[in-house]
N, C-alpha and C. Protein backbone atom coordinates (compact mmCIF):
# COMPACT_ATOMS: atom_id res chain seq x y z
N MET A 1 109.26 103.98 52.06
CA MET A 1 108.01 104.47 51.29
C MET A 1 106.70 102.90 51.50
N VAL A 2 105.20 103.68 51.11
CA VAL A 2 104.38 103.37 51.10
C VAL A 2 103.98 102.74 49.49
N THR A 3 104.07 101.27 50.13
CA THR A 3 103.29 100.52 48.23
C THR A 3 102.34 100.68 48.39
N LYS A 4 102.28 99.88 47.44
CA LYS A 4 100.41 100.06 46.93
C LYS A 4 100.02 98.79 48.52
N GLY A 5 100.50 97.73 48.45
CA GLY A 5 99.72 96.68 48.77
C GLY A 5 99.77 97.55 50.45
N LYS A 6 100.29 98.71 51.25
CA LYS A 6 100.07 98.57 52.33
C LYS A 6 99.30 99.84 52.64
N ARG A 7 99.73 100.82 51.93
CA ARG A 7 98.58 102.17 51.37
C ARG A 7 96.87 101.00 50.94
N ASP A 8 96.64 100.07 50.40
CA ASP A 8 95.46 99.51 50.80
C ASP A 8 94.86 99.12 51.47
N LEU A 9 95.80 97.98 52.39
CA LEU A 9 96.08 97.81 53.77
C LEU A 9 95.57 98.83 54.71
N LEU A 10 96.23 100.04 54.64
CA LEU A 10 95.23 101.14 55.78
C LEU A 10 93.96 102.16 55.17
N ARG A 11 93.87 102.05 54.34
CA ARG A 11 92.34 102.28 53.67
C ARG A 11 91.31 101.20 54.19
N ARG A 12 92.40 100.06 54.51
CA ARG A 12 90.76 99.09 54.42
C ARG A 12 90.77 98.97 55.35
N LEU A 13 91.27 99.27 56.44
CA LEU A 13 91.67 99.42 58.22
C LEU A 13 90.60 100.91 58.38
N LEU A 14 91.06 101.64 57.97
CA LEU A 14 90.40 102.62 58.01
C LEU A 14 89.25 102.76 57.01
N ASP A 15 88.46 102.13 56.62
CA ASP A 15 86.90 102.28 56.50
C ASP A 15 86.31 101.46 57.21
N ALA A 16 87.12 100.13 57.67
CA ALA A 16 86.92 99.22 58.98
C ALA A 16 86.73 99.96 60.28
N GLY A 17 86.30 101.40 60.19
CA GLY A 17 86.71 101.94 61.29
C GLY A 17 87.09 102.41 62.66
N VAL A 18 88.67 101.68 62.49
CA VAL A 18 90.19 102.10 63.20
C VAL A 18 89.91 103.28 63.27
N ARG A 19 90.57 103.86 63.75
CA ARG A 19 91.10 105.08 63.51
C ARG A 19 91.90 105.55 63.80
N ALA A 20 92.85 106.37 63.61
CA ALA A 20 93.98 106.86 62.89
C ALA A 20 94.18 107.95 63.41
N PRO A 21 95.62 108.89 64.18
CA PRO A 21 95.96 109.56 64.89
C PRO A 21 95.84 110.65 63.95
N ALA A 22 95.73 111.99 64.60
CA ALA A 22 95.59 113.32 63.46
C ALA A 22 96.52 113.46 62.87
N VAL A 23 97.69 113.15 63.08
CA VAL A 23 98.75 113.46 62.39
C VAL A 23 99.31 112.34 61.57
N LEU A 24 99.18 112.58 60.87
CA LEU A 24 98.65 110.96 59.48
C LEU A 24 100.30 111.37 58.28
N THR A 25 100.60 112.70 58.05
CA THR A 25 100.81 112.79 56.91
C THR A 25 102.45 112.13 56.78
N GLY A 26 102.50 111.24 55.83
CA GLY A 26 104.23 110.61 56.12
C GLY A 26 103.87 109.27 56.95
N CYS A 27 103.34 109.23 57.26
CA CYS A 27 103.25 107.97 58.89
C CYS A 27 103.17 106.41 58.08
N GLN A 28 101.87 106.47 57.44
CA GLN A 28 101.54 105.21 57.16
C GLN A 28 102.29 103.75 57.27
N ASP A 29 103.61 103.94 56.77
CA ASP A 29 104.25 102.87 57.03
C ASP A 29 104.41 102.39 58.37
N TYR A 30 104.45 103.16 59.23
CA TYR A 30 105.20 103.83 60.94
C TYR A 30 103.78 102.75 61.32
N LEU A 31 102.51 103.52 60.87
CA LEU A 31 101.28 102.77 61.30
C LEU A 31 101.25 101.47 61.29
N LEU A 32 101.45 100.85 60.31
CA LEU A 32 101.22 99.38 59.98
C LEU A 32 102.57 98.32 59.74
N GLU A 33 103.38 99.48 60.58
CA GLU A 33 105.07 98.62 61.37
C GLU A 33 104.10 98.24 62.96
N HIS A 34 103.57 99.33 63.51
CA HIS A 34 103.26 99.41 64.97
C HIS A 34 101.68 99.31 64.71
N THR A 35 101.14 98.11 64.70
CA THR A 35 99.73 98.27 64.79
C THR A 35 98.85 98.08 66.07
N ASP A 36 99.56 97.83 67.48
CA ASP A 36 99.15 98.70 68.39
C ASP A 36 98.38 99.65 68.52
N MET A 37 99.50 100.42 67.93
CA MET A 37 99.03 102.16 68.16
C MET A 37 97.57 102.55 67.72
N LEU A 38 96.97 101.87 66.50
CA LEU A 38 95.54 101.66 66.52
C LEU A 38 94.66 100.71 67.02
N ARG A 39 95.43 99.88 68.02
CA ARG A 39 94.83 98.64 68.87
C ARG A 39 93.75 100.00 69.74
N THR A 40 94.92 100.61 70.94
CA THR A 40 95.07 101.55 71.82
C THR A 40 94.42 103.31 71.32
N HIS A 41 94.51 103.75 70.00
CA HIS A 41 93.94 104.80 69.50
C HIS A 41 95.08 105.89 70.38
N GLN A 42 96.25 105.20 70.17
CA GLN A 42 96.85 106.27 70.86
C GLN A 42 97.48 107.67 69.37
N THR A 43 97.34 108.69 69.75
CA THR A 43 97.94 109.38 69.17
C THR A 43 99.68 109.27 68.47
N LEU A 44 99.91 109.97 67.95
CA LEU A 44 101.95 109.44 67.58
C LEU A 44 102.52 110.84 68.12
N LEU A 45 101.69 111.41 69.06
CA LEU A 45 102.73 111.57 69.81
C LEU A 45 102.63 111.43 71.03
N HIS A 46 101.59 110.68 71.48
CA HIS A 46 101.52 109.33 72.76
C HIS A 46 102.24 108.48 72.92
N LEU A 47 103.18 107.90 71.32
CA LEU A 47 104.23 106.52 71.73
C LEU A 47 105.24 107.67 72.27
N VAL A 48 105.83 108.53 71.56
CA VAL A 48 107.25 109.33 71.87
C VAL A 48 106.86 109.84 73.04
N CYS A 49 105.81 110.11 73.27
CA CYS A 49 106.47 111.06 75.15
C CYS A 49 106.02 109.71 75.80
N ARG A 50 106.31 108.16 75.48
CA ARG A 50 106.14 107.17 76.90
C ARG A 50 107.00 106.40 76.87
N GLY A 51 108.34 107.07 77.79
CA GLY A 51 109.18 106.37 77.95
C GLY A 51 110.44 107.32 77.65
N PRO A 52 111.50 106.97 79.03
CA PRO A 52 112.66 107.52 78.78
C PRO A 52 113.82 108.12 77.74
N ASP A 53 114.18 108.86 77.53
CA ASP A 53 114.55 108.78 76.72
C ASP A 53 115.94 109.40 76.45
N SER A 54 117.42 108.81 76.50
CA SER A 54 118.56 108.81 76.81
C SER A 54 119.50 110.46 75.42
N THR A 55 118.97 109.59 74.64
CA THR A 55 119.58 110.56 73.12
C THR A 55 118.72 111.61 73.37
N GLY A 56 117.67 112.26 73.56
CA GLY A 56 116.70 114.20 73.30
C GLY A 56 115.85 113.73 72.34
N ARG A 57 116.01 112.26 71.15
CA ARG A 57 115.41 111.73 69.89
C ARG A 57 114.15 111.87 70.00
N ALA A 58 113.16 111.69 71.31
CA ALA A 58 111.97 111.89 71.88
C ALA A 58 111.23 113.43 71.88
N ILE A 59 112.39 114.08 72.31
CA ILE A 59 111.61 115.33 72.40
C ILE A 59 111.59 116.20 71.15
N GLN A 60 112.74 115.95 70.44
CA GLN A 60 112.91 116.26 68.98
C GLN A 60 112.07 116.13 68.06
N LEU A 61 111.08 114.52 68.45
CA LEU A 61 110.08 114.50 67.80
C LEU A 61 108.78 115.00 67.81
N ALA A 62 108.74 114.79 69.13
CA ALA A 62 107.57 115.51 69.92
C ALA A 62 107.64 117.00 69.65
N SER A 63 108.72 117.47 69.45
CA SER A 63 108.30 119.09 69.05
C SER A 63 108.24 119.29 67.11
N ILE A 64 108.45 117.87 66.50
CA ILE A 64 108.04 118.15 65.34
C ILE A 64 106.73 117.90 65.15
N LEU A 65 106.63 117.16 65.65
CA LEU A 65 104.65 116.89 65.54
C LEU A 65 104.36 117.67 66.44
N LEU A 66 104.24 118.43 67.40
CA LEU A 66 103.75 119.94 67.90
C LEU A 66 103.35 120.40 66.87
N ASP A 67 104.74 120.95 66.70
CA ASP A 67 104.64 121.99 64.94
C ASP A 67 103.64 121.73 64.29
N ALA A 68 103.63 120.68 64.43
CA ALA A 68 102.27 120.23 62.78
C ALA A 68 101.52 120.03 62.99
N GLY A 69 100.95 120.65 64.46
CA GLY A 69 99.62 120.69 64.87
C GLY A 69 99.31 119.50 66.19
N ALA A 70 100.21 118.99 66.09
CA ALA A 70 99.46 117.50 67.43
C ALA A 70 99.14 118.35 68.34
N ASP A 71 98.20 117.20 69.12
CA ASP A 71 97.31 117.92 70.09
C ASP A 71 97.72 117.79 71.32
N ILE A 72 98.14 118.46 71.87
CA ILE A 72 99.28 118.63 72.96
C ILE A 72 98.41 117.52 74.75
N SER A 73 96.88 117.88 74.26
CA SER A 73 95.63 117.63 75.12
C SER A 73 94.81 116.71 75.04
N ALA A 74 95.44 115.36 73.63
CA ALA A 74 94.31 114.44 73.39
C ALA A 74 94.39 113.63 74.31
N ARG A 75 93.74 112.55 74.00
CA ARG A 75 92.97 111.66 75.65
C ARG A 75 93.25 109.96 74.68
N ASP A 76 94.38 109.12 74.93
CA ASP A 76 94.23 107.77 74.56
C ASP A 76 92.83 107.22 75.44
N ASP A 77 92.66 106.07 74.22
CA ASP A 77 91.43 105.25 74.67
C ASP A 77 91.36 104.14 75.88
N GLU A 78 92.60 103.75 75.86
CA GLU A 78 93.06 102.64 76.85
C GLU A 78 93.10 103.48 78.24
N PHE A 79 93.90 103.98 78.13
CA PHE A 79 94.16 104.60 79.45
C PHE A 79 93.86 106.04 80.14
N ALA A 80 92.74 107.03 79.27
CA ALA A 80 92.35 108.24 79.01
C ALA A 80 93.73 109.22 79.69
N SER A 81 94.27 108.81 79.32
CA SER A 81 95.42 109.89 78.97
C SER A 81 96.20 110.76 78.43
N THR A 82 96.44 111.58 78.84
CA THR A 82 97.31 112.71 77.61
C THR A 82 99.11 112.09 77.87
N PRO A 83 99.40 112.94 76.53
CA PRO A 83 101.21 112.44 76.02
C PRO A 83 101.65 112.89 77.52
N LEU A 84 101.38 114.06 78.10
CA LEU A 84 101.86 114.38 79.69
C LEU A 84 102.13 113.35 80.68
N ALA A 85 100.23 113.08 80.71
CA ALA A 85 100.58 111.25 81.62
C ALA A 85 101.14 110.14 80.86
N TRP A 86 101.81 109.76 79.69
CA TRP A 86 102.17 108.69 79.69
C TRP A 86 103.73 109.61 80.42
N ALA A 87 104.78 110.59 79.71
CA ALA A 87 105.66 110.82 80.28
C ALA A 87 105.53 110.54 81.80
N ALA A 88 104.58 110.85 82.64
CA ALA A 88 104.74 110.89 83.66
C ALA A 88 104.60 109.41 84.37
N ARG A 89 103.94 109.24 83.48
CA ARG A 89 103.64 107.17 84.11
C ARG A 89 105.23 106.49 83.79
N THR A 90 106.00 106.77 82.94
CA THR A 90 107.24 106.38 82.24
C THR A 90 108.09 106.57 82.99
N ASN A 91 108.11 108.38 83.65
CA ASN A 91 109.21 108.24 84.00
C ASN A 91 110.31 108.92 83.62
N ALA A 92 109.65 109.66 81.75
CA ALA A 92 110.66 110.34 81.42
C ALA A 92 110.75 111.78 81.33
N VAL A 93 111.63 111.83 82.45
CA VAL A 93 111.65 113.33 83.09
C VAL A 93 111.57 114.30 82.47
N GLU A 94 112.63 114.60 81.40
CA GLU A 94 113.14 115.29 80.17
C GLU A 94 111.97 116.04 79.16
N MET A 95 111.12 114.27 79.32
CA MET A 95 109.89 114.61 78.57
C MET A 95 108.53 115.55 78.88
N VAL A 96 108.80 115.00 80.39
CA VAL A 96 107.90 115.47 81.01
C VAL A 96 108.23 117.51 81.44
N LYS A 97 109.04 117.51 81.51
CA LYS A 97 109.75 119.12 81.05
C LYS A 97 109.10 119.75 80.20
N PHE A 98 109.63 119.00 78.81
CA PHE A 98 109.76 119.65 77.65
C PHE A 98 108.24 119.99 77.74
N LEU A 99 107.13 119.22 77.41
CA LEU A 99 105.87 119.36 77.41
C LEU A 99 105.02 119.79 78.78
N LEU A 100 105.46 120.83 79.33
CA LEU A 100 105.43 121.64 80.53
C LEU A 100 105.20 122.58 80.02
N ALA A 101 106.95 123.17 79.42
CA ALA A 101 107.36 123.89 78.56
C ALA A 101 106.55 124.53 76.83
N ARG A 102 105.76 123.67 76.18
CA ARG A 102 105.39 123.89 75.86
C ARG A 102 103.73 123.83 75.78
N GLY A 103 103.39 123.32 76.90
CA GLY A 103 101.91 124.11 77.49
C GLY A 103 100.99 123.41 77.75
N ALA A 104 101.46 122.06 77.87
CA ALA A 104 100.89 121.29 78.37
C ALA A 104 100.13 121.06 79.79
N LEU A 105 99.22 121.37 80.30
CA LEU A 105 98.11 121.45 81.50
C LEU A 105 98.68 119.88 82.39
N THR A 106 98.28 120.28 83.32
CA THR A 106 98.84 119.39 84.41
C THR A 106 97.39 119.10 85.25
N ASN A 107 96.02 119.87 84.57
CA ASN A 107 95.00 119.07 85.46
C ASN A 107 94.30 119.88 84.35
N VAL A 108 93.38 119.11 83.82
CA VAL A 108 92.13 119.48 82.89
C VAL A 108 91.12 118.95 83.39
N PRO A 109 89.79 119.58 83.45
CA PRO A 109 88.75 119.25 84.31
C PRO A 109 88.48 117.95 83.66
N GLU A 110 88.15 117.47 82.85
CA GLU A 110 87.94 116.01 82.12
C GLU A 110 88.93 114.83 82.34
N ASP A 111 89.56 115.70 83.44
CA ASP A 111 90.37 114.00 83.56
C ASP A 111 90.29 113.10 84.19
N GLU A 112 90.13 112.01 84.04
CA GLU A 112 89.52 110.69 85.35
C GLU A 112 90.70 110.92 86.63
N PRO A 113 90.30 110.62 87.62
CA PRO A 113 90.58 111.32 88.49
C PRO A 113 92.61 110.22 89.02
N TRP A 114 92.05 109.49 88.42
CA TRP A 114 92.80 107.93 88.29
C TRP A 114 93.85 108.54 86.40
N ALA A 115 93.94 109.87 86.09
CA ALA A 115 94.95 109.34 84.84
C ALA A 115 94.99 110.60 84.51
N THR A 116 95.43 111.52 85.71
CA THR A 116 96.59 112.41 85.23
C THR A 116 97.73 112.13 86.13
N PRO A 117 98.38 113.25 85.01
CA PRO A 117 99.89 113.19 85.05
C PRO A 117 100.12 113.06 87.07
N LEU A 118 99.93 113.44 87.41
CA LEU A 118 100.76 113.55 88.27
C LEU A 118 100.27 111.97 89.21
N SER A 119 98.84 111.28 89.18
CA SER A 119 98.31 110.12 90.04
C SER A 119 99.27 109.48 89.00
N TRP A 120 99.62 108.90 88.16
CA TRP A 120 100.61 108.38 87.42
C TRP A 120 101.48 108.25 88.31
N ALA A 121 102.15 109.29 88.16
CA ALA A 121 104.00 109.68 88.93
C ALA A 121 103.69 109.21 90.08
N GLU A 122 102.68 109.62 90.76
CA GLU A 122 102.87 108.80 92.13
C GLU A 122 102.50 107.12 92.38
N ARG A 123 101.69 107.22 91.05
CA ARG A 123 101.10 105.60 91.79
C ARG A 123 102.86 104.22 91.36
N HIS A 124 104.03 105.25 90.35
CA HIS A 124 104.56 104.27 90.04
C HIS A 124 105.93 105.41 90.80
N GLN A 125 105.64 106.14 91.62
CA GLN A 125 106.79 106.50 92.53
C GLN A 125 107.67 106.68 91.27
N HIS A 126 107.33 107.86 90.68
CA HIS A 126 108.17 108.88 90.21
C HIS A 126 108.21 110.27 91.04
N ARG A 127 109.28 110.10 92.07
CA ARG A 127 109.12 111.31 93.24
C ARG A 127 109.85 112.67 91.97
N GLU A 128 110.27 112.55 91.48
CA GLU A 128 111.36 113.66 90.87
C GLU A 128 109.90 114.22 89.66
N VAL A 129 108.78 113.52 88.79
CA VAL A 129 107.83 113.88 87.81
C VAL A 129 107.15 114.55 88.20
N GLY A 130 106.96 113.73 89.82
CA GLY A 130 105.41 114.49 90.94
C GLY A 130 106.29 115.83 91.20
N SER A 131 107.56 116.10 92.07
CA SER A 131 107.93 117.07 91.95
C SER A 131 107.42 118.55 91.17
N ILE A 132 108.07 117.57 90.06
CA ILE A 132 108.06 118.87 89.21
C ILE A 132 106.45 119.20 88.42
N LEU A 133 105.84 118.33 88.24
CA LEU A 133 104.41 118.45 88.41
C LEU A 133 103.90 119.23 88.97
N ARG A 134 104.34 119.03 90.40
CA ARG A 134 103.34 120.04 92.28
C ARG A 134 103.97 121.69 91.54
N LEU A 135 105.20 121.25 90.92
CA LEU A 135 105.87 123.07 90.66
C LEU A 135 104.67 123.68 89.76
N ASN A 136 104.73 123.10 88.89
CA ASN A 136 103.75 122.99 88.03
C ASN A 136 101.94 123.97 87.76
N GLY A 137 102.02 123.04 89.75
CA GLY A 137 100.37 123.64 89.13
C GLY A 137 99.53 122.04 89.81
N ALA A 138 100.39 120.75 89.19
CA ALA A 138 99.43 120.04 89.53
C ALA A 138 98.71 118.85 90.93
N ASN A 139 97.55 119.49 90.99
CA ASN A 139 97.19 119.06 92.41
C ASN A 139 96.36 117.85 92.10
N ARG A 140 95.73 117.43 92.96
CA ARG A 140 94.75 115.99 93.13
C ARG A 140 93.89 116.51 93.04
């Protein structure tokens, strides 16, 4: 439950120019608990996609966010990376597969060469993720 104090704090942050993710409904408490997301201008989808998840809960959350209209191609401000690039960077194999199945692009013309999903996978030596990305059309 969002208290009046937290709601006022969120309003002040937004008034000060802090960008909030596109999907915000019902997430105010989460944003106030995870202020790092406000600083890096990541969407909730970025946060859900960045790390291996053996339970499958992250994929469930990503599915809910995408069904609610989250932008699968959104880029964060810090690493100019999409949710797919974050999944590749953190070796989240199942998330990479899920995002590709949901239509995530492996190469977008606006991608910085160092920030593509394949570049992250190769830099961190995530061979399986790199193979999956190449099979789905990723190139340098």
